[in-house]
Amino acid sequence: MSAVQNRLSGLLTRYKGKLKHYDVNNEMLHGSFYQDHLGKDIRGAPVGGIGIHGHIDSPVGQIVCSALDKLEIFGLPIWFTEFDVSSNNEYVRADDLEVVLWEASCSGNLLPTLQSMA
């Protein structure tokens, strides 16, 4: 546990006042590193929000709506932390980005930087 605490303490000290949110555990679904190293101590840890990675094929509208509907029941802030559409057609990518930004803005799930652009 001390390695995780030292890492977070160092980052929080270094970037104090510069970051509003920090992704402590990226790609959590790809293994159980923290659970393996921290054991059951990790259970019950506070969660302050949910980050969504969007690496999807077109069309994205129904996928995004479905994901937001399922995640909103937790009552936590939801942020799109990564997003891309794997289409060679730039117009398809632009249309899909518009759908994602629209869906996210309607449910208040845009990062502050994107909120000012929407």
PDB file of N, CA and C in Angstrom:
ATOM      1  N   MET A   1       0.823  -1.192   0.000  1.00  0.00           N
ATOM      2  CA  MET A   1       0.000   0.000   0.000  1.00  0.00           C
ATOM      3  C   MET A   1       0.872   1.263   0.000  1.00  0.00           C
ATOM      4  N   SER A   2       2.023   1.218   0.630  1.00  0.00           N
ATOM      5  CA  SER A   2       2.856   2.411   0.722  1.00  0.00           C
ATOM      6  C   SER A   2       3.350   2.884  -0.651  1.00  0.00           C
ATOM      7  N   ALA A   3       3.589   1.976  -1.590  1.00  0.00           N
ATOM      8  CA  ALA A   3       4.033   2.381  -2.928  1.00  0.00           C
ATOM      9  C   ALA A   3       2.958   3.207  -3.619  1.00  0.00           C
ATOM     10  N   VAL A   4       1.710   2.789  -3.509  1.00  0.00           N
ATOM     11  CA  VAL A   4       0.597   3.531  -4.112  1.00  0.00           C
ATOM     12  C   VAL A   4       0.451   4.881  -3.424  1.00  0.00           C
ATOM     13  N   GLN A   5       0.501   4.899  -2.100  1.00  0.00           N
ATOM     14  CA  GLN A   5       0.378   6.155  -1.357  1.00  0.00           C
ATOM     15  C   GLN A   5       1.516   7.115  -1.695  1.00  0.00           C
ATOM     16  N   ASN A   6       2.737   6.601  -1.782  1.00  0.00           N
ATOM     17  CA  ASN A   6       3.881   7.453  -2.132  1.00  0.00           C
ATOM     18  C   ASN A   6       3.732   8.038  -3.528  1.00  0.00           C
ATOM     19  N   ARG A   7       3.285   7.220  -4.460  1.00  0.00           N
ATOM     20  CA  ARG A   7       3.094   7.682  -5.840  1.00  0.00           C
ATOM     21  C   ARG A   7       2.057   8.802  -5.891  1.00  0.00           C
ATOM     22  N   LEU A   8       0.908   8.565  -5.265  1.00  0.00           N
ATOM     23  CA  LEU A   8      -0.156   9.571  -5.277  1.00  0.00           C
ATOM     24  C   LEU A   8       0.256  10.826  -4.523  1.00  0.00           C
ATOM     25  N   SER A   9       0.915  10.666  -3.393  1.00  0.00           N
ATOM     26  CA  SER A   9       1.363  11.818  -2.616  1.00  0.00           C
ATOM     27  C   SER A   9       2.323  12.679  -3.431  1.00  0.00           C
ATOM     28  N   GLY A  10       3.261  12.035  -4.118  1.00  0.00           N
ATOM     29  CA  GLY A  10       4.199  12.775  -4.959  1.00  0.00           C
ATOM     30  C   GLY A  10       3.510  13.519  -6.087  1.00  0.00           C
ATOM     31  N   LEU A  11       2.586  12.854  -6.762  1.00  0.00           N
ATOM     32  CA  LEU A  11       1.857  13.490  -7.863  1.00  0.00           C
ATOM     33  C   LEU A  11       0.987  14.639  -7.368  1.00  0.00           C
ATOM     34  N   LEU A  12       0.287  14.422  -6.265  1.00  0.00           N
ATOM     35  CA  LEU A  12      -0.598  15.462  -5.741  1.00  0.00           C
ATOM     36  C   LEU A  12       0.191  16.675  -5.258  1.00  0.00           C
ATOM     37  N   THR A  13       1.364  16.448  -4.704  1.00  0.00           N
ATOM     38  CA  THR A  13       2.218  17.556  -4.277  1.00  0.00           C
ATOM     39  C   THR A  13       2.749  18.317  -5.490  1.00  0.00           C
ATOM     40  N   ARG A  14       3.241  17.590  -6.472  1.00  0.00           N
ATOM     41  CA  ARG A  14       3.833  18.199  -7.669  1.00  0.00           C
ATOM     42  C   ARG A  14       2.809  19.014  -8.456  1.00  0.00           C
ATOM     43  N   TYR A  15       1.588  18.520  -8.557  1.00  0.00           N
ATOM     44  CA  TYR A  15       0.583  19.169  -9.404  1.00  0.00           C
ATOM     45  C   TYR A  15      -0.513  19.867  -8.606  1.00  0.00           C
ATOM     46  N   LYS A  16      -0.267  20.153  -7.342  1.00  0.00           N
ATOM     47  CA  LYS A  16      -1.265  20.798  -6.488  1.00  0.00           C
ATOM     48  C   LYS A  16      -1.779  22.091  -7.132  1.00  0.00           C
ATOM     49  N   GLY A  17      -3.090  22.198  -7.225  1.00  0.00           N
ATOM     50  CA  GLY A  17      -3.718  23.380  -7.796  1.00  0.00           C
ATOM     51  C   GLY A  17      -3.746  23.417  -9.313  1.00  0.00           C
ATOM     52  N   LYS A  18      -3.130  22.431  -9.973  1.00  0.00           N
ATOM     53  CA  LYS A  18      -3.074  22.424 -11.431  1.00  0.00           C
ATOM     54  C   LYS A  18      -4.044  21.434 -12.063  1.00  0.00           C
ATOM     55  N   LEU A  19      -4.458  20.431 -11.322  1.00  0.00           N
ATOM     56  CA  LEU A  19      -5.349  19.402 -11.852  1.00  0.00           C
ATOM     57  C   LEU A  19      -6.664  19.391 -11.098  1.00  0.00           C
ATOM     58  N   LYS A  20      -7.738  19.303 -11.844  1.00  0.00           N
ATOM     59  CA  LYS A  20      -9.048  19.183 -11.220  1.00  0.00           C
ATOM     60  C   LYS A  20      -9.393  17.713 -10.983  1.00  0.00           C
ATOM     61  N   HIS A  21      -8.965  16.834 -11.877  1.00  0.00           N
ATOM     62  CA  HIS A  21      -9.245  15.402 -11.791  1.00  0.00           C
ATOM     63  C   HIS A  21      -7.978  14.643 -12.153  1.00  0.00           C
ATOM     64  N   TYR A  22      -7.854  13.461 -11.584  1.00  0.00           N
ATOM     65  CA  TYR A  22      -6.696  12.622 -11.890  1.00  0.00           C
ATOM     66  C   TYR A  22      -7.152  11.178 -12.009  1.00  0.00           C
ATOM     67  N   ASP A  23      -6.756  10.524 -13.078  1.00  0.00           N
ATOM     68  CA  ASP A  23      -7.112   9.132 -13.331  1.00  0.00           C
ATOM     69  C   ASP A  23      -6.118   8.239 -12.594  1.00  0.00           C
ATOM     70  N   VAL A  24      -6.531   7.718 -11.440  1.00  0.00           N
ATOM     71  CA  VAL A  24      -5.640   6.918 -10.607  1.00  0.00           C
ATOM     72  C   VAL A  24      -5.361   5.566 -11.234  1.00  0.00           C
ATOM     73  N   ASN A  25      -6.353   4.976 -11.845  1.00  0.00           N
ATOM     74  CA  ASN A  25      -6.195   3.615 -12.365  1.00  0.00           C
ATOM     75  C   ASN A  25      -6.790   3.538 -13.758  1.00  0.00           C
ATOM     76  N   ASN A  26      -5.957   3.690 -14.765  1.00  0.00           N
ATOM     77  CA  ASN A  26      -6.388   3.640 -16.154  1.00  0.00           C
ATOM     78  C   ASN A  26      -6.459   2.188 -16.625  1.00  0.00           C
ATOM     79  N   GLU A  27      -7.426   1.881 -17.485  1.00  0.00           N
ATOM     80  CA  GLU A  27      -7.586   0.532 -18.047  1.00  0.00           C
ATOM     81  C   GLU A  27      -7.840  -0.517 -16.964  1.00  0.00           C
ATOM     82  N   MET A  28      -8.702  -0.196 -16.037  1.00  0.00           N
ATOM     83  CA  MET A  28      -8.956  -1.066 -14.894  1.00  0.00           C
ATOM     84  C   MET A  28      -9.527  -2.431 -15.268  1.00  0.00           C
ATOM     85  N   LEU A  29     -10.181  -2.530 -16.388  1.00  0.00           N
ATOM     86  CA  LEU A  29     -10.804  -3.795 -16.764  1.00  0.00           C
ATOM     87  C   LEU A  29      -9.814  -4.802 -17.332  1.00  0.00           C
ATOM     88  N   HIS A  30      -8.575  -4.401 -17.509  1.00  0.00           N
ATOM     89  CA  HIS A  30      -7.582  -5.276 -18.133  1.00  0.00           C
ATOM     90  C   HIS A  30      -6.677  -5.959 -17.113  1.00  0.00           C
ATOM     91  N   GLY A  31      -7.228  -6.428 -16.048  1.00  0.00           N
ATOM     92  CA  GLY A  31      -6.415  -7.118 -15.056  1.00  0.00           C
ATOM     93  C   GLY A  31      -6.795  -6.701 -13.654  1.00  0.00           C
ATOM     94  N   SER A  32      -6.117  -7.264 -12.708  1.00  0.00           N
ATOM     95  CA  SER A  32      -6.450  -7.001 -11.306  1.00  0.00           C
ATOM     96  C   SER A  32      -5.197  -6.627 -10.515  1.00  0.00           C
ATOM     97  N   PHE A  33      -4.339  -5.789 -11.089  1.00  0.00           N
ATOM     98  CA  PHE A  33      -3.081  -5.413 -10.445  1.00  0.00           C
ATOM     99  C   PHE A  33      -3.300  -4.904  -9.026  1.00  0.00           C
ATOM    100  N   TYR A  34      -4.181  -3.905  -8.878  1.00  0.00           N
ATOM    101  CA  TYR A  34      -4.375  -3.314  -7.556  1.00  0.00           C
ATOM    102  C   TYR A  34      -4.979  -4.311  -6.577  1.00  0.00           C
ATOM    103  N   GLN A  35      -5.952  -5.049  -7.026  1.00  0.00           N
ATOM    104  CA  GLN A  35      -6.559  -6.045  -6.147  1.00  0.00           C
ATOM    105  C   GLN A  35      -5.535  -7.117  -5.760  1.00  0.00           C
ATOM    106  N   ASP A  36      -4.708  -7.528  -6.702  1.00  0.00           N
ATOM    107  CA  ASP A  36      -3.685  -8.539  -6.407  1.00  0.00           C
ATOM    108  C   ASP A  36      -2.668  -8.033  -5.385  1.00  0.00           C
ATOM    109  N   HIS A  37      -2.317  -6.740  -5.465  1.00  0.00           N
ATOM    110  CA  HIS A  37      -1.295  -6.199  -4.575  1.00  0.00           C
ATOM    111  C   HIS A  37      -1.855  -5.648  -3.269  1.00  0.00           C
ATOM    112  N   LEU A  38      -3.089  -5.163  -3.297  1.00  0.00           N
ATOM    113  CA  LEU A  38      -3.676  -4.586  -2.086  1.00  0.00           C
ATOM    114  C   LEU A  38      -4.635  -5.538  -1.388  1.00  0.00           C
ATOM    115  N   GLY A  39      -5.011  -6.592  -2.068  1.00  0.00           N
ATOM    116  CA  GLY A  39      -5.940  -7.551  -1.476  1.00  0.00           C
ATOM    117  C   GLY A  39      -7.300  -6.935  -1.232  1.00  0.00           C
ATOM    118  N   LYS A  40      -7.942  -7.375  -0.197  1.00  0.00           N
ATOM    119  CA  LYS A  40      -9.294  -6.907   0.098  1.00  0.00           C
ATOM    120  C   LYS A  40      -9.314  -5.485   0.645  1.00  0.00           C
ATOM    121  N   ASP A  41      -8.126  -4.917   0.953  1.00  0.00           N
ATOM    122  CA  ASP A  41      -8.073  -3.540   1.442  1.00  0.00           C
ATOM    123  C   ASP A  41      -8.637  -2.553   0.426  1.00  0.00           C
ATOM    124  N   ILE A  42      -8.609  -2.927  -0.845  1.00  0.00           N
ATOM    125  CA  ILE A  42      -9.085  -2.026  -1.893  1.00  0.00           C
ATOM    126  C   ILE A  42     -10.613  -1.910  -1.894  1.00  0.00           C
ATOM    127  N   ARG A  43     -11.285  -2.892  -1.368  1.00  0.00           N
ATOM    128  CA  ARG A  43     -12.755  -2.866  -1.325  1.00  0.00           C
ATOM    129  C   ARG A  43     -13.229  -1.728  -0.436  1.00  0.00           C
ATOM    130  N   GLY A  44     -14.243  -1.037  -0.898  1.00  0.00           N
ATOM    131  CA  GLY A  44     -14.793   0.069  -0.136  1.00  0.00           C
ATOM    132  C   GLY A  44     -14.050   1.378  -0.327  1.00  0.00           C
ATOM    133  N   ALA A  45     -13.033   1.402  -1.179  1.00  0.00           N
ATOM    134  CA  ALA A  45     -12.304   2.646  -1.439  1.00  0.00           C
ATOM    135  C   ALA A  45     -13.244   3.645  -2.106  1.00  0.00           C
ATOM    136  N   PRO A  46     -13.130   4.926  -1.763  1.00  0.00           N
ATOM    137  CA  PRO A  46     -14.033   5.915  -2.354  1.00  0.00           C
ATOM    138  C   PRO A  46     -13.796   6.076  -3.855  1.00  0.00           C
ATOM    139  N   VAL A  47     -14.871   6.243  -4.586  1.00  0.00           N
ATOM    140  CA  VAL A  47     -14.819   6.473  -6.029  1.00  0.00           C
ATOM    141  C   VAL A  47     -15.477   7.820  -6.286  1.00  0.00           C
ATOM    142  N   GLY A  48     -14.745   8.720  -6.936  1.00  0.00           N
ATOM    143  CA  GLY A  48     -15.261  10.063  -7.150  1.00  0.00           C
ATOM    144  C   GLY A  48     -15.841  10.308  -8.522  1.00  0.00           C
ATOM    145  N   GLY A  49     -15.734   9.352  -9.427  1.00  0.00           N
ATOM    146  CA  GLY A  49     -16.266   9.534 -10.766  1.00  0.00           C
ATOM    147  C   GLY A  49     -15.954   8.338 -11.637  1.00  0.00           C
ATOM    148  N   ILE A  50     -16.485   8.380 -12.847  1.00  0.00           N
ATOM    149  CA  ILE A  50     -16.309   7.296 -13.814  1.00  0.00           C
ATOM    150  C   ILE A  50     -15.746   7.898 -15.094  1.00  0.00           C
ATOM    151  N   GLY A  51     -14.685   7.299 -15.613  1.00  0.00           N
ATOM    152  CA  GLY A  51     -14.107   7.735 -16.883  1.00  0.00           C
ATOM    153  C   GLY A  51     -14.448   6.743 -17.972  1.00  0.00           C
ATOM    154  N   ILE A  52     -14.836   7.255 -19.121  1.00  0.00           N
ATOM    155  CA  ILE A  52     -15.194   6.400 -20.252  1.00  0.00           C
ATOM    156  C   ILE A  52     -14.130   6.534 -21.336  1.00  0.00           C
ATOM    157  N   HIS A  53     -13.640   5.408 -21.805  1.00  0.00           N
ATOM    158  CA  HIS A  53     -12.768   5.376 -22.977  1.00  0.00           C
ATOM    159  C   HIS A  53     -13.642   4.974 -24.150  1.00  0.00           C
ATOM    160  N   GLY A  54     -13.592   5.722 -25.214  1.00  0.00           N
ATOM    161  CA  GLY A  54     -14.397   5.393 -26.380  1.00  0.00           C
ATOM    162  C   GLY A  54     -13.545   5.060 -27.580  1.00  0.00           C
ATOM    163  N   HIS A  55     -13.223   3.806 -27.758  1.00  0.00           N
ATOM    164  CA  HIS A  55     -12.497   3.338 -28.945  1.00  0.00           C
ATOM    165  C   HIS A  55     -13.469   2.426 -29.687  1.00  0.00           C
ATOM    166  N   ILE A  56     -14.292   3.028 -30.547  1.00  0.00           N
ATOM    167  CA  ILE A  56     -15.412   2.273 -31.105  1.00  0.00           C
ATOM    168  C   ILE A  56     -15.527   2.466 -32.607  1.00  0.00           C
ATOM    169  N   ASP A  57     -16.325   1.592 -33.196  1.00  0.00           N
ATOM    170  CA  ASP A  57     -16.640   1.698 -34.614  1.00  0.00           C
ATOM    171  C   ASP A  57     -17.898   2.537 -34.774  1.00  0.00           C
ATOM    172  N   SER A  58     -18.107   3.043 -35.950  1.00  0.00           N
ATOM    173  CA  SER A  58     -19.288   3.833 -36.268  1.00  0.00           C
ATOM    174  C   SER A  58     -20.471   2.902 -36.508  1.00  0.00           C
ATOM    175  N   PRO A  59     -21.681   3.293 -36.236  1.00  0.00           N
ATOM    176  CA  PRO A  59     -22.135   4.538 -35.616  1.00  0.00           C
ATOM    177  C   PRO A  59     -22.069   4.467 -34.089  1.00  0.00           C
ATOM    178  N   VAL A  60     -21.910   5.620 -33.461  1.00  0.00           N
ATOM    179  CA  VAL A  60     -21.685   5.634 -32.025  1.00  0.00           C
ATOM    180  C   VAL A  60     -22.894   6.043 -31.188  1.00  0.00           C
ATOM    181  N   GLY A  61     -23.882   6.648 -31.791  1.00  0.00           N
ATOM    182  CA  GLY A  61     -25.009   7.204 -31.041  1.00  0.00           C
ATOM    183  C   GLY A  61     -25.631   6.256 -30.034  1.00  0.00           C
ATOM    184  N   GLN A  62     -26.066   5.093 -30.485  1.00  0.00           N
ATOM    185  CA  GLN A  62     -26.723   4.149 -29.578  1.00  0.00           C
ATOM    186  C   GLN A  62     -25.758   3.610 -28.532  1.00  0.00           C
ATOM    187  N   ILE A  63     -24.501   3.412 -28.892  1.00  0.00           N
ATOM    188  CA  ILE A  63     -23.510   2.907 -27.944  1.00  0.00           C
ATOM    189  C   ILE A  63     -23.319   3.912 -26.813  1.00  0.00           C
ATOM    190  N   VAL A  64     -23.158   5.180 -27.159  1.00  0.00           N
ATOM    191  CA  VAL A  64     -22.934   6.220 -26.160  1.00  0.00           C
ATOM    192  C   VAL A  64     -24.156   6.375 -25.267  1.00  0.00           C
ATOM    193  N   CYS A  65     -25.334   6.452 -25.857  1.00  0.00           N
ATOM    194  CA  CYS A  65     -26.568   6.594 -25.071  1.00  0.00           C
ATOM    195  C   CYS A  65     -26.735   5.430 -24.104  1.00  0.00           C
ATOM    196  N   SER A  66     -26.508   4.229 -24.580  1.00  0.00           N
ATOM    197  CA  SER A  66     -26.654   3.041 -23.743  1.00  0.00           C
ATOM    198  C   SER A  66     -25.651   3.059 -22.592  1.00  0.00           C
ATOM    199  N   ALA A  67     -24.410   3.403 -22.880  1.00  0.00           N
ATOM    200  CA  ALA A  67     -23.380   3.444 -21.831  1.00  0.00           C
ATOM    201  C   ALA A  67     -23.717   4.488 -20.778  1.00  0.00           C
ATOM    202  N   LEU A  68     -24.124   5.680 -21.211  1.00  0.00           N
ATOM    203  CA  LEU A  68     -24.465   6.735 -20.256  1.00  0.00           C
ATOM    204  C   LEU A  68     -25.670   6.345 -19.408  1.00  0.00           C
ATOM    205  N   ASP A  69     -26.679   5.755 -20.033  1.00  0.00           N
ATOM    206  CA  ASP A  69     -27.860   5.312 -19.283  1.00  0.00           C
ATOM    207  C   ASP A  69     -27.478   4.316 -18.197  1.00  0.00           C
ATOM    208  N   LYS A  70     -26.603   3.375 -18.527  1.00  0.00           N
ATOM    209  CA  LYS A  70     -26.202   2.350 -17.554  1.00  0.00           C
ATOM    210  C   LYS A  70     -25.342   2.934 -16.437  1.00  0.00           C
ATOM    211  N   LEU A  71     -24.482   3.876 -16.760  1.00  0.00           N
ATOM    212  CA  LEU A  71     -23.560   4.415 -15.763  1.00  0.00           C
ATOM    213  C   LEU A  71     -24.172   5.506 -14.893  1.00  0.00           C
ATOM    214  N   GLU A  72     -25.181   6.212 -15.409  1.00  0.00           N
ATOM    215  CA  GLU A  72     -25.788   7.303 -14.649  1.00  0.00           C
ATOM    216  C   GLU A  72     -26.490   6.821 -13.385  1.00  0.00           C
ATOM    217  N   ILE A  73     -26.852   5.537 -13.319  1.00  0.00           N
ATOM    218  CA  ILE A  73     -27.545   5.035 -12.125  1.00  0.00           C
ATOM    219  C   ILE A  73     -26.659   5.089 -10.879  1.00  0.00           C
ATOM    220  N   PHE A  74     -25.337   5.194 -11.059  1.00  0.00           N
ATOM    221  CA  PHE A  74     -24.439   5.260  -9.913  1.00  0.00           C
ATOM    222  C   PHE A  74     -24.418   6.644  -9.269  1.00  0.00           C
ATOM    223  N   GLY A  75     -24.944   7.641  -9.968  1.00  0.00           N
ATOM    224  CA  GLY A  75     -24.992   8.987  -9.414  1.00  0.00           C
ATOM    225  C   GLY A  75     -23.628   9.658  -9.283  1.00  0.00           C
ATOM    226  N   LEU A  76     -22.659   9.205 -10.058  1.00  0.00           N
ATOM    227  CA  LEU A  76     -21.311   9.780 -10.028  1.00  0.00           C
ATOM    228  C   LEU A  76     -21.059  10.593 -11.295  1.00  0.00           C
ATOM    229  N   PRO A  77     -20.166  11.582 -11.230  1.00  0.00           N
ATOM    230  CA  PRO A  77     -19.794  12.282 -12.458  1.00  0.00           C
ATOM    231  C   PRO A  77     -19.191  11.291 -13.455  1.00  0.00           C
ATOM    232  N   ILE A  78     -19.480  11.508 -14.730  1.00  0.00           N
ATOM    233  CA  ILE A  78     -18.962  10.647 -15.794  1.00  0.00           C
ATOM    234  C   ILE A  78     -18.185  11.533 -16.762  1.00  0.00           C
ATOM    235  N   TRP A  79     -16.959  11.118 -17.078  1.00  0.00           N
ATOM    236  CA  TRP A  79     -16.134  11.897 -17.995  1.00  0.00           C
ATOM    237  C   TRP A  79     -15.677  11.036 -19.160  1.00  0.00           C
ATOM    238  N   PHE A  80     -15.726  11.609 -20.350  1.00  0.00           N
ATOM    239  CA  PHE A  80     -15.105  10.972 -21.516  1.00  0.00           C
ATOM    240  C   PHE A  80     -13.622  11.331 -21.446  1.00  0.00           C
ATOM    241  N   THR A  81     -12.785  10.346 -21.165  1.00  0.00           N
ATOM    242  CA  THR A  81     -11.355  10.607 -21.024  1.00  0.00           C
ATOM    243  C   THR A  81     -10.587  10.309 -22.304  1.00  0.00           C
ATOM    244  N   GLU A  82     -11.131   9.471 -23.148  1.00  0.00           N
ATOM    245  CA  GLU A  82     -10.550   9.161 -24.457  1.00  0.00           C
ATOM    246  C   GLU A  82     -11.698   8.862 -25.408  1.00  0.00           C
ATOM    247  N   PHE A  83     -11.527   9.271 -26.668  1.00  0.00           N
ATOM    248  CA  PHE A  83     -12.566   8.959 -27.648  1.00  0.00           C
ATOM    249  C   PHE A  83     -11.972   8.948 -29.046  1.00  0.00           C
ATOM    250  N   ASP A  84     -12.268   7.910 -29.792  1.00  0.00           N
ATOM    251  CA  ASP A  84     -11.930   7.885 -31.211  1.00  0.00           C
ATOM    252  C   ASP A  84     -12.887   6.950 -31.940  1.00  0.00           C
ATOM    253  N   VAL A  85     -13.072   7.244 -33.215  1.00  0.00           N
ATOM    254  CA  VAL A  85     -13.918   6.433 -34.092  1.00  0.00           C
ATOM    255  C   VAL A  85     -13.018   5.871 -35.182  1.00  0.00           C
ATOM    256  N   SER A  86     -13.057   4.569 -35.369  1.00  0.00           N
ATOM    257  CA  SER A  86     -12.168   3.945 -36.359  1.00  0.00           C
ATOM    258  C   SER A  86     -12.837   3.871 -37.724  1.00  0.00           C
ATOM    259  N   SER A  87     -12.929   5.023 -38.360  1.00  0.00           N
ATOM    260  CA  SER A  87     -13.452   5.098 -39.719  1.00  0.00           C
ATOM    261  C   SER A  87     -12.438   5.865 -40.556  1.00  0.00           C
ATOM    262  N   ASN A  88     -12.225   5.422 -41.777  1.00  0.00           N
ATOM    263  CA  ASN A  88     -11.321   6.135 -42.673  1.00  0.00           C
ATOM    264  C   ASN A  88     -11.961   7.395 -43.238  1.00  0.00           C
ATOM    265  N   ASN A  89     -13.271   7.481 -43.139  1.00  0.00           N
ATOM    266  CA  ASN A  89     -14.008   8.609 -43.688  1.00  0.00           C
ATOM    267  C   ASN A  89     -14.069   9.740 -42.655  1.00  0.00           C
ATOM    268  N   GLU A  90     -13.444  10.868 -42.961  1.00  0.00           N
ATOM    269  CA  GLU A  90     -13.401  11.975 -42.002  1.00  0.00           C
ATOM    270  C   GLU A  90     -14.783  12.553 -41.713  1.00  0.00           C
ATOM    271  N   TYR A  91     -15.717  12.453 -42.652  1.00  0.00           N
ATOM    272  CA  TYR A  91     -17.067  12.958 -42.424  1.00  0.00           C
ATOM    273  C   TYR A  91     -17.815  12.069 -41.437  1.00  0.00           C
ATOM    274  N   VAL A  92     -17.598  10.767 -41.532  1.00  0.00           N
ATOM    275  CA  VAL A  92     -18.197   9.837 -40.567  1.00  0.00           C
ATOM    276  C   VAL A  92     -17.631  10.118 -39.177  1.00  0.00           C
ATOM    277  N   ARG A  93     -16.321  10.308 -39.090  1.00  0.00           N
ATOM    278  CA  ARG A  93     -15.702  10.612 -37.793  1.00  0.00           C
ATOM    279  C   ARG A  93     -16.256  11.914 -37.227  1.00  0.00           C
ATOM    280  N   ALA A  94     -16.411  12.924 -38.070  1.00  0.00           N
ATOM    281  CA  ALA A  94     -16.947  14.208 -37.617  1.00  0.00           C
ATOM    282  C   ALA A  94     -18.385  14.062 -37.144  1.00  0.00           C
ATOM    283  N   ASP A  95     -19.202  13.332 -37.895  1.00  0.00           N
ATOM    284  CA  ASP A  95     -20.597  13.114 -37.495  1.00  0.00           C
ATOM    285  C   ASP A  95     -20.671  12.378 -36.162  1.00  0.00           C
ATOM    286  N   ASP A  96     -19.840  11.348 -36.005  1.00  0.00           N
ATOM    287  CA  ASP A  96     -19.856  10.582 -34.761  1.00  0.00           C
ATOM    288  C   ASP A  96     -19.363  11.415 -33.582  1.00  0.00           C
ATOM    289  N   LEU A  97     -18.361  12.251 -33.797  1.00  0.00           N
ATOM    290  CA  LEU A  97     -17.896  13.132 -32.734  1.00  0.00           C
ATOM    291  C   LEU A  97     -19.005  14.092 -32.322  1.00  0.00           C
ATOM    292  N   GLU A  98     -19.745  14.605 -33.305  1.00  0.00           N
ATOM    293  CA  GLU A  98     -20.865  15.491 -33.000  1.00  0.00           C
ATOM    294  C   GLU A  98     -21.899  14.780 -32.132  1.00  0.00           C
ATOM    295  N   VAL A  99     -22.211  13.531 -32.458  1.00  0.00           N
ATOM    296  CA  VAL A  99     -23.174  12.758 -31.667  1.00  0.00           C
ATOM    297  C   VAL A  99     -22.675  12.594 -30.232  1.00  0.00           C
ATOM    298  N   VAL A 100     -21.411  12.224 -30.072  1.00  0.00           N
ATOM    299  CA  VAL A 100     -20.861  12.017 -28.730  1.00  0.00           C
ATOM    300  C   VAL A 100     -20.875  13.316 -27.929  1.00  0.00           C
ATOM    301  N   LEU A 101     -20.442  14.414 -28.536  1.00  0.00           N
ATOM    302  CA  LEU A 101     -20.445  15.695 -27.828  1.00  0.00           C
ATOM    303  C   LEU A 101     -21.857  16.116 -27.456  1.00  0.00           C
ATOM    304  N   TRP A 102     -22.811  15.888 -28.341  1.00  0.00           N
ATOM    305  CA  TRP A 102     -24.201  16.231 -28.057  1.00  0.00           C
ATOM    306  C   TRP A 102     -24.731  15.396 -26.896  1.00  0.00           C
ATOM    307  N   GLU A 103     -24.551  14.085 -26.953  1.00  0.00           N
ATOM    308  CA  GLU A 103     -25.034  13.203 -25.887  1.00  0.00           C
ATOM    309  C   GLU A 103     -24.378  13.543 -24.552  1.00  0.00           C
ATOM    310  N   ALA A 104     -23.084  13.793 -24.587  1.00  0.00           N
ATOM    311  CA  ALA A 104     -22.368  14.111 -23.355  1.00  0.00           C
ATOM    312  C   ALA A 104     -22.819  15.450 -22.786  1.00  0.00           C
ATOM    313  N   SER A 105     -23.030  16.444 -23.646  1.00  0.00           N
ATOM    314  CA  SER A 105     -23.432  17.755 -23.148  1.00  0.00           C
ATOM    315  C   SER A 105     -24.853  17.735 -22.604  1.00  0.00           C
ATOM    316  N   CYS A 106     -25.722  16.924 -23.182  1.00  0.00           N
ATOM    317  CA  CYS A 106     -27.103  16.837 -22.697  1.00  0.00           C
ATOM    318  C   CYS A 106     -27.168  16.222 -21.307  1.00  0.00           C
ATOM    319  N   SER A 107     -26.226  15.362 -20.994  1.00  0.00           N
ATOM    320  CA  SER A 107     -26.242  14.723 -19.681  1.00  0.00           C
ATOM    321  C   SER A 107     -25.194  15.331 -18.750  1.00  0.00           C
ATOM    322  N   GLY A 108     -24.538  16.403 -19.181  1.00  0.00           N
ATOM    323  CA  GLY A 108     -23.561  17.074 -18.331  1.00  0.00           C
ATOM    324  C   GLY A 108     -22.269  16.310 -18.156  1.00  0.00           C
ATOM    325  N   ASN A 109     -21.914  15.450 -19.105  1.00  0.00           N
ATOM    326  CA  ASN A 109     -20.740  14.598 -18.953  1.00  0.00           C
ATOM    327  C   ASN A 109     -19.536  15.050 -19.760  1.00  0.00           C
ATOM    328  N   LEU A 110     -19.414  16.329 -20.000  1.00  0.00           N
ATOM    329  CA  LEU A 110     -18.244  16.830 -20.720  1.00  0.00           C
ATOM    330  C   LEU A 110     -17.219  17.366 -19.735  1.00  0.00           C
ATOM    331  N   LEU A 111     -15.951  17.182 -20.048  1.00  0.00           N
ATOM    332  CA  LEU A 111     -14.908  17.816 -19.263  1.00  0.00           C
ATOM    333  C   LEU A 111     -15.058  19.323 -19.410  1.00  0.00           C
ATOM    334  N   PRO A 112     -14.663  20.107 -18.392  1.00  0.00           N
ATOM    335  CA  PRO A 112     -14.850  21.564 -18.454  1.00  0.00           C
ATOM    336  C   PRO A 112     -14.304  22.204 -19.725  1.00  0.00           C
ATOM    337  N   THR A 113     -13.176  21.753 -20.240  1.00  0.00           N
ATOM    338  CA  THR A 113     -12.611  22.319 -21.465  1.00  0.00           C
ATOM    339  C   THR A 113     -13.568  22.144 -22.627  1.00  0.00           C
ATOM    340  N   LEU A 114     -14.156  20.957 -22.742  1.00  0.00           N
ATOM    341  CA  LEU A 114     -15.094  20.713 -23.827  1.00  0.00           C
ATOM    342  C   LEU A 114     -16.411  21.435 -23.596  1.00  0.00           C
ATOM    343  N   GLN A 115     -16.801  21.643 -22.337  1.00  0.00           N
ATOM    344  CA  GLN A 115     -18.043  22.357 -22.060  1.00  0.00           C
ATOM    345  C   GLN A 115     -17.977  23.769 -22.623  1.00  0.00           C
ATOM    346  N   SER A 116     -16.813  24.390 -22.553  1.00  0.00           N
ATOM    347  CA  SER A 116     -16.695  25.749 -23.066  1.00  0.00           C
ATOM    348  C   SER A 116     -16.745  25.787 -24.589  1.00  0.00           C
ATOM    349  N   MET A 117     -16.461  24.652 -25.246  1.00  0.00           N
ATOM    350  CA  MET A 117     -16.499  24.588 -26.706  1.00  0.00           C
ATOM    351  C   MET A 117     -17.872  24.178 -27.223  1.00  0.00           C
ATOM    352  N   ALA A 118     -18.654  23.465 -26.413  1.00  0.00           N
ATOM    353  CA  ALA A 118     -19.930  22.902 -26.877  1.00  0.00           C
ATOM    354  C   ALA A 118     -20.986  23.960 -27.048  1.00  0.00           C
TER     355      ALA A 118
END
